[in-house]
Amino acid sequence: MTYCLHTAHAGGQEWRDISNFVEDFSVTTNGLRTPKKALEVAGSALNEVFHYPSPSDVQYKEYERSAENNGLQLRGSQEAELVCVVNPCNPTGDWAKKLYDTRGIKVFVIQSWTKIWACPGLRVGSLLAPHPDEAKRIRKHQVPWSLNTLAIAFLSEVVKDTDYMNETWTVTPQWNDVFRSALQNIRPDWDVNGHR
């Protein structure tokens, strides 16, 4: 019996590029492969990838936890050396660039792709650093295999889907108008604003 272990390792090589690949001895995963029933259940869970795994537990405390885990002292915003600006709470999306241009402050842009591609169950994102050296410094703290196989496969396809993005930019303002109109009908005394 021959087993073929599918891993991105293969001794540091991409296993898909090795024409006679049979075994990867650099990985010690179970030779019986992934249990079939578990794969079936995981496959059916793909239809739920647009839901957050546990929507009732969201507290957005990861920044505080990360700072504490790295031995940083937590301080109030008056004395802060690091400020997290959440976008799209900044509708124009240009505030961070203006901050750097006018004050010379290094800006790291951490992007979560879970909303634009409706995939919070996959947890994909990226970081844009102000300089390659800064990116290398951050990369030293990145956990190994920070993206799993499903996320990599998803990303390799979704970044090419221009039709999806074009439709997103077309329908989202329309949905925004419907939502604002519905809110205005429910509460005519409210001043309902939105941006396009």
C-alpha atoms as a PDB file:
ATOM      1  CA  MET A   1       0.000   0.000   0.000  1.00  0.00           C
ATOM      2  CA  THR A   2       1.362   3.459  -0.921  1.00  0.00           C
ATOM      3  CA  TYR A   3       0.339   6.624   0.862  1.00  0.00           C
ATOM      4  CA  CYS A   4       0.718  10.083  -0.594  1.00  0.00           C
ATOM      5  CA  LEU A   5       0.843  12.769   2.053  1.00  0.00           C
ATOM      6  CA  HIS A   6      -0.314  16.099   0.675  1.00  0.00           C
ATOM      7  CA  THR A   7       1.616  18.877   2.320  1.00  0.00           C
ATOM      8  CA  ALA A   8       3.138  22.114   1.130  1.00  0.00           C
ATOM      9  CA  HIS A   9       6.480  21.045   2.643  1.00  0.00           C
ATOM     10  CA  ALA A  10       8.174  18.259   0.706  1.00  0.00           C
ATOM     11  CA  GLY A  11      11.509  19.157   2.213  1.00  0.00           C
ATOM     12  CA  GLY A  12      11.039  22.847   1.559  1.00  0.00           C
ATOM     13  CA  GLN A  13       9.773  22.343  -1.998  1.00  0.00           C
ATOM     14  CA  GLU A  14       6.294  22.828  -3.342  1.00  0.00           C
ATOM     15  CA  TRP A  15       4.976  19.258  -3.566  1.00  0.00           C
ATOM     16  CA  ARG A  16       2.769  20.029  -6.573  1.00  0.00           C
ATOM     17  CA  ASP A  17       5.906  20.780  -8.622  1.00  0.00           C
ATOM     18  CA  ILE A  18       7.500  17.382  -8.007  1.00  0.00           C
ATOM     19  CA  SER A  19       6.411  15.023 -10.798  1.00  0.00           C
ATOM     20  CA  ASN A  20       7.289  11.797  -8.980  1.00  0.00           C
ATOM     21  CA  PHE A  21       6.204  12.836  -5.482  1.00  0.00           C
ATOM     22  CA  VAL A  22       5.121   9.899  -3.308  1.00  0.00           C
ATOM     23  CA  GLU A  23       6.158  10.542   0.299  1.00  0.00           C
ATOM     24  CA  ASP A  24       7.103  13.536   2.389  1.00  0.00           C
ATOM     25  CA  PHE A  25       9.147  12.367   5.352  1.00  0.00           C
ATOM     26  CA  SER A  26       9.485  15.902   6.751  1.00  0.00           C
ATOM     27  CA  VAL A  27       5.917  15.705   8.062  1.00  0.00           C
ATOM     28  CA  THR A  28       4.623  13.255  10.618  1.00  0.00           C
ATOM     29  CA  THR A  29       0.903  13.377   9.908  1.00  0.00           C
ATOM     30  CA  ASN A  30      -1.106  10.182  10.224  1.00  0.00           C
ATOM     31  CA  GLY A  31      -0.452   7.853   7.274  1.00  0.00           C
ATOM     32  CA  LEU A  32      -4.153   6.942   7.129  1.00  0.00           C
ATOM     33  CA  ARG A  33      -4.843  10.501   5.963  1.00  0.00           C
ATOM     34  CA  THR A  34      -7.662  12.701   7.201  1.00  0.00           C
ATOM     35  CA  PRO A  35     -10.682  10.729   8.463  1.00  0.00           C
ATOM     36  CA  LYS A  36     -13.311  10.595   5.700  1.00  0.00           C
ATOM     37  CA  LYS A  37     -16.257  11.413   7.957  1.00  0.00           C
ATOM     38  CA  ALA A  38     -14.434  14.479   9.299  1.00  0.00           C
ATOM     39  CA  LEU A  39     -13.739  15.622   5.713  1.00  0.00           C
ATOM     40  CA  GLU A  40     -17.425  15.200   4.850  1.00  0.00           C
ATOM     41  CA  VAL A  41     -18.491  17.283   7.846  1.00  0.00           C
ATOM     42  CA  ALA A  42     -15.825  19.906   7.101  1.00  0.00           C
ATOM     43  CA  GLY A  43     -16.948  19.974   3.460  1.00  0.00           C
ATOM     44  CA  SER A  44     -20.536  20.617   4.466  1.00  0.00           C
ATOM     45  CA  ALA A  45     -19.321  23.376   6.805  1.00  0.00           C
ATOM     46  CA  LEU A  46     -17.936  25.242   3.782  1.00  0.00           C
ATOM     47  CA  ASN A  47     -21.493  26.418   3.144  1.00  0.00           C
ATOM     48  CA  GLU A  48     -21.305  28.214   6.505  1.00  0.00           C
ATOM     49  CA  VAL A  49     -18.009  30.016   5.850  1.00  0.00           C
ATOM     50  CA  PHE A  50     -19.807  33.363   5.630  1.00  0.00           C
ATOM     51  CA  HIS A  51     -20.883  33.106   9.309  1.00  0.00           C
ATOM     52  CA  TYR A  52     -18.681  33.951  12.254  1.00  0.00           C
ATOM     53  CA  PRO A  53     -17.862  30.745  14.171  1.00  0.00           C
ATOM     54  CA  SER A  54     -19.329  32.066  17.430  1.00  0.00           C
ATOM     55  CA  PRO A  55     -21.150  35.349  16.801  1.00  0.00           C
ATOM     56  CA  SER A  56     -22.349  35.720  20.401  1.00  0.00           C
ATOM     57  CA  ASP A  57     -18.814  35.767  21.836  1.00  0.00           C
ATOM     58  CA  VAL A  58     -17.393  38.719  19.884  1.00  0.00           C
ATOM     59  CA  GLN A  59     -15.696  41.274  22.134  1.00  0.00           C
ATOM     60  CA  TYR A  60     -12.838  42.540  19.940  1.00  0.00           C
ATOM     61  CA  LYS A  61     -10.364  42.148  22.784  1.00  0.00           C
ATOM     62  CA  GLU A  62      -7.596  40.635  20.633  1.00  0.00           C
ATOM     63  CA  TYR A  63      -5.582  43.870  20.533  1.00  0.00           C
ATOM     64  CA  GLU A  64      -5.557  44.133  24.315  1.00  0.00           C
ATOM     65  CA  ARG A  65      -4.762  40.416  24.684  1.00  0.00           C
ATOM     66  CA  SER A  66      -1.941  40.638  22.130  1.00  0.00           C
ATOM     67  CA  ALA A  67      -0.412  43.623  23.915  1.00  0.00           C
ATOM     68  CA  GLU A  68      -0.597  41.871  27.291  1.00  0.00           C
ATOM     69  CA  ASN A  69       0.894  38.660  25.853  1.00  0.00           C
ATOM     70  CA  ASN A  70       3.844  40.670  24.542  1.00  0.00           C
ATOM     71  CA  GLY A  71       4.522  42.289  27.909  1.00  0.00           C
ATOM     72  CA  LEU A  72       3.296  45.737  26.916  1.00  0.00           C
ATOM     73  CA  GLN A  73       1.856  48.053  29.528  1.00  0.00           C
ATOM     74  CA  LEU A  74      -1.696  49.113  28.706  1.00  0.00           C
ATOM     75  CA  ARG A  75      -2.301  52.839  28.966  1.00  0.00           C
ATOM     76  CA  GLY A  76      -5.140  55.214  28.270  1.00  0.00           C
ATOM     77  CA  SER A  77      -5.375  56.875  24.863  1.00  0.00           C
ATOM     78  CA  GLN A  78      -3.948  60.187  26.178  1.00  0.00           C
ATOM     79  CA  GLU A  79      -0.457  58.690  26.416  1.00  0.00           C
ATOM     80  CA  ALA A  80      -0.731  56.152  23.606  1.00  0.00           C
ATOM     81  CA  GLU A  81       2.200  55.332  21.344  1.00  0.00           C
ATOM     82  CA  LEU A  82       0.063  53.055  19.187  1.00  0.00           C
ATOM     83  CA  VAL A  83      -3.425  53.845  17.993  1.00  0.00           C
ATOM     84  CA  CYS A  84      -5.572  51.382  16.030  1.00  0.00           C
ATOM     85  CA  VAL A  85      -7.715  53.166  13.462  1.00  0.00           C
ATOM     86  CA  VAL A  86     -10.539  50.927  12.303  1.00  0.00           C
ATOM     87  CA  ASN A  87     -11.574  51.378   8.692  1.00  0.00           C
ATOM     88  CA  PRO A  88     -14.390  51.559   7.340  1.00  0.00           C
ATOM     89  CA  CYS A  89     -15.266  53.553  10.475  1.00  0.00           C
ATOM     90  CA  ASN A  90     -13.251  56.151   8.611  1.00  0.00           C
ATOM     91  CA  PRO A  91     -15.467  56.305   5.494  1.00  0.00           C
ATOM     92  CA  THR A  92     -13.039  58.055   3.173  1.00  0.00           C
ATOM     93  CA  GLY A  93     -10.280  55.546   3.810  1.00  0.00           C
ATOM     94  CA  ASP A  94      -7.545  58.183   3.421  1.00  0.00           C
ATOM     95  CA  TRP A  95      -7.001  59.279   7.018  1.00  0.00           C
ATOM     96  CA  ALA A  96      -4.079  56.899   7.645  1.00  0.00           C
ATOM     97  CA  LYS A  97      -2.256  58.137   4.519  1.00  0.00           C
ATOM     98  CA  LYS A  98      -2.801  61.767   5.541  1.00  0.00           C
ATOM     99  CA  LEU A  99      -1.456  60.957   9.001  1.00  0.00           C
ATOM    100  CA  TYR A 100       1.779  59.666   7.495  1.00  0.00           C
ATOM    101  CA  ASP A 101       2.057  62.463   4.914  1.00  0.00           C
ATOM    102  CA  THR A 102       1.517  65.265   7.429  1.00  0.00           C
ATOM    103  CA  ARG A 103       3.183  63.869  10.556  1.00  0.00           C
ATOM    104  CA  GLY A 104       5.650  61.262   9.294  1.00  0.00           C
ATOM    105  CA  ILE A 105       4.081  58.575  11.469  1.00  0.00           C
ATOM    106  CA  LYS A 106       4.642  54.995  10.316  1.00  0.00           C
ATOM    107  CA  VAL A 107       1.346  53.454   9.331  1.00  0.00           C
ATOM    108  CA  PHE A 108       0.773  49.707   9.228  1.00  0.00           C
ATOM    109  CA  VAL A 109      -2.447  48.717   7.498  1.00  0.00           C
ATOM    110  CA  ILE A 110      -3.902  45.459   8.804  1.00  0.00           C
ATOM    111  CA  GLN A 111      -6.672  44.252   6.537  1.00  0.00           C
ATOM    112  CA  SER A 112      -9.261  41.643   7.362  1.00  0.00           C
ATOM    113  CA  TRP A 113     -10.706  40.151   4.194  1.00  0.00           C
ATOM    114  CA  THR A 114     -13.542  38.396   6.010  1.00  0.00           C
ATOM    115  CA  LYS A 115     -16.137  41.063   5.282  1.00  0.00           C
ATOM    116  CA  ILE A 116     -15.438  41.937   1.650  1.00  0.00           C
ATOM    117  CA  TRP A 117     -15.337  38.264   0.649  1.00  0.00           C
ATOM    118  CA  ALA A 118     -17.895  37.091   3.252  1.00  0.00           C
ATOM    119  CA  CYS A 119     -15.576  34.445   4.716  1.00  0.00           C
ATOM    120  CA  PRO A 120     -15.194  35.025   8.482  1.00  0.00           C
ATOM    121  CA  GLY A 121     -14.998  31.265   8.987  1.00  0.00           C
ATOM    122  CA  LEU A 122     -11.672  31.225   7.127  1.00  0.00           C
ATOM    123  CA  ARG A 123     -10.002  34.162   8.914  1.00  0.00           C
ATOM    124  CA  VAL A 124      -7.920  35.652   6.110  1.00  0.00           C
ATOM    125  CA  GLY A 125      -6.210  39.011   6.033  1.00  0.00           C
ATOM    126  CA  SER A 126      -3.045  40.875   5.180  1.00  0.00           C
ATOM    127  CA  LEU A 127      -0.669  43.509   6.456  1.00  0.00           C
ATOM    128  CA  LEU A 128       0.795  46.427   4.522  1.00  0.00           C
ATOM    129  CA  ALA A 129       3.937  47.842   6.097  1.00  0.00           C
ATOM    130  CA  PRO A 130       5.471  51.266   5.389  1.00  0.00           C
ATOM    131  CA  HIS A 131       8.794  49.650   4.406  1.00  0.00           C
ATOM    132  CA  PRO A 132      10.050  46.117   3.541  1.00  0.00           C
ATOM    133  CA  ASP A 133      12.284  46.145   6.641  1.00  0.00           C
ATOM    134  CA  GLU A 134       9.226  46.783   8.804  1.00  0.00           C
ATOM    135  CA  ALA A 135       7.434  43.882   7.109  1.00  0.00           C
ATOM    136  CA  LYS A 136      10.398  41.590   7.882  1.00  0.00           C
ATOM    137  CA  ARG A 137      10.373  42.697  11.506  1.00  0.00           C
ATOM    138  CA  ILE A 138       6.676  41.853  11.806  1.00  0.00           C
ATOM    139  CA  ARG A 139       7.080  38.564   9.904  1.00  0.00           C
ATOM    140  CA  LYS A 140       9.432  37.318  12.641  1.00  0.00           C
ATOM    141  CA  HIS A 141       6.423  37.272  14.983  1.00  0.00           C
ATOM    142  CA  GLN A 142       4.070  35.593  12.517  1.00  0.00           C
ATOM    143  CA  VAL A 143       3.014  32.113  13.513  1.00  0.00           C
ATOM    144  CA  PRO A 144       4.015  29.289  11.147  1.00  0.00           C
ATOM    145  CA  TRP A 145       1.240  28.252   8.785  1.00  0.00           C
ATOM    146  CA  SER A 146      -0.853  31.294   9.589  1.00  0.00           C
ATOM    147  CA  LEU A 147      -3.087  30.349   6.661  1.00  0.00           C
ATOM    148  CA  ASN A 148      -4.539  26.878   6.417  1.00  0.00           C
ATOM    149  CA  THR A 149      -5.029  24.841   3.241  1.00  0.00           C
ATOM    150  CA  LEU A 150      -8.652  25.919   2.753  1.00  0.00           C
ATOM    151  CA  ALA A 151      -7.797  29.596   3.171  1.00  0.00           C
ATOM    152  CA  ILE A 152      -4.929  29.361   0.671  1.00  0.00           C
ATOM    153  CA  ALA A 153      -7.148  27.633  -1.903  1.00  0.00           C
ATOM    154  CA  PHE A 154      -9.907  30.187  -1.312  1.00  0.00           C
ATOM    155  CA  LEU A 155      -7.520  33.141  -1.672  1.00  0.00           C
ATOM    156  CA  SER A 156      -5.887  31.801  -4.824  1.00  0.00           C
ATOM    157  CA  GLU A 157      -9.265  31.957  -6.560  1.00  0.00           C
ATOM    158  CA  VAL A 158     -11.087  34.848  -4.920  1.00  0.00           C
ATOM    159  CA  VAL A 159      -8.406  37.426  -5.764  1.00  0.00           C
ATOM    160  CA  LYS A 160      -9.072  36.747  -9.459  1.00  0.00           C
ATOM    161  CA  ASP A 161     -12.860  37.151  -9.206  1.00  0.00           C
ATOM    162  CA  THR A 162     -13.287  40.653 -10.635  1.00  0.00           C
ATOM    163  CA  ASP A 163     -16.962  40.008 -11.427  1.00  0.00           C
ATOM    164  CA  TYR A 164     -17.676  39.485  -7.721  1.00  0.00           C
ATOM    165  CA  MET A 165     -15.912  42.715  -6.798  1.00  0.00           C
ATOM    166  CA  ASN A 166     -17.619  44.700  -9.554  1.00  0.00           C
ATOM    167  CA  GLU A 167     -21.006  43.398  -8.432  1.00  0.00           C
ATOM    168  CA  THR A 168     -20.105  44.230  -4.820  1.00  0.00           C
ATOM    169  CA  TRP A 169     -19.346  47.854  -5.733  1.00  0.00           C
ATOM    170  CA  THR A 170     -22.594  48.051  -7.718  1.00  0.00           C
ATOM    171  CA  VAL A 171     -25.070  46.525  -5.247  1.00  0.00           C
ATOM    172  CA  THR A 172     -23.637  47.730  -1.930  1.00  0.00           C
ATOM    173  CA  PRO A 173     -24.628  51.404  -2.433  1.00  0.00           C
ATOM    174  CA  GLN A 174     -28.078  50.205  -3.532  1.00  0.00           C
ATOM    175  CA  TRP A 175     -28.436  48.118  -0.366  1.00  0.00           C
ATOM    176  CA  ASN A 176     -27.190  51.093   1.633  1.00  0.00           C
ATOM    177  CA  ASP A 177     -29.964  53.267   0.169  1.00  0.00           C
ATOM    178  CA  VAL A 178     -32.610  50.632   0.957  1.00  0.00           C
ATOM    179  CA  PHE A 179     -31.307  50.255   4.503  1.00  0.00           C
ATOM    180  CA  ARG A 180     -31.205  54.008   5.145  1.00  0.00           C
ATOM    181  CA  SER A 181     -34.706  54.405   3.714  1.00  0.00           C
ATOM    182  CA  ALA A 182     -36.033  51.593   5.920  1.00  0.00           C
ATOM    183  CA  LEU A 183     -34.422  53.164   8.997  1.00  0.00           C
ATOM    184  CA  GLN A 184     -35.890  56.549   8.102  1.00  0.00           C
ATOM    185  CA  ASN A 185     -39.352  54.977   7.765  1.00  0.00           C
ATOM    186  CA  ILE A 186     -39.035  53.285  11.151  1.00  0.00           C
ATOM    187  CA  ARG A 187     -37.737  56.426  12.874  1.00  0.00           C
ATOM    188  CA  PRO A 188     -38.709  59.550  10.906  1.00  0.00           C
ATOM    189  CA  ASP A 189     -37.344  61.688  13.757  1.00  0.00           C
ATOM    190  CA  TRP A 190     -33.824  60.326  13.218  1.00  0.00           C
ATOM    191  CA  ASP A 191     -31.292  61.990  10.956  1.00  0.00           C
ATOM    192  CA  VAL A 192     -30.094  58.958   8.969  1.00  0.00           C
ATOM    193  CA  ASN A 193     -26.786  59.501   7.200  1.00  0.00           C
ATOM    194  CA  GLY A 194     -24.665  57.252   5.072  1.00  0.00           C
ATOM    195  CA  HIS A 195     -21.915  57.491   2.533  1.00  0.00           C
ATOM    196  CA  ARG A 196     -21.617  56.259  -1.008  1.00  0.00           C
END
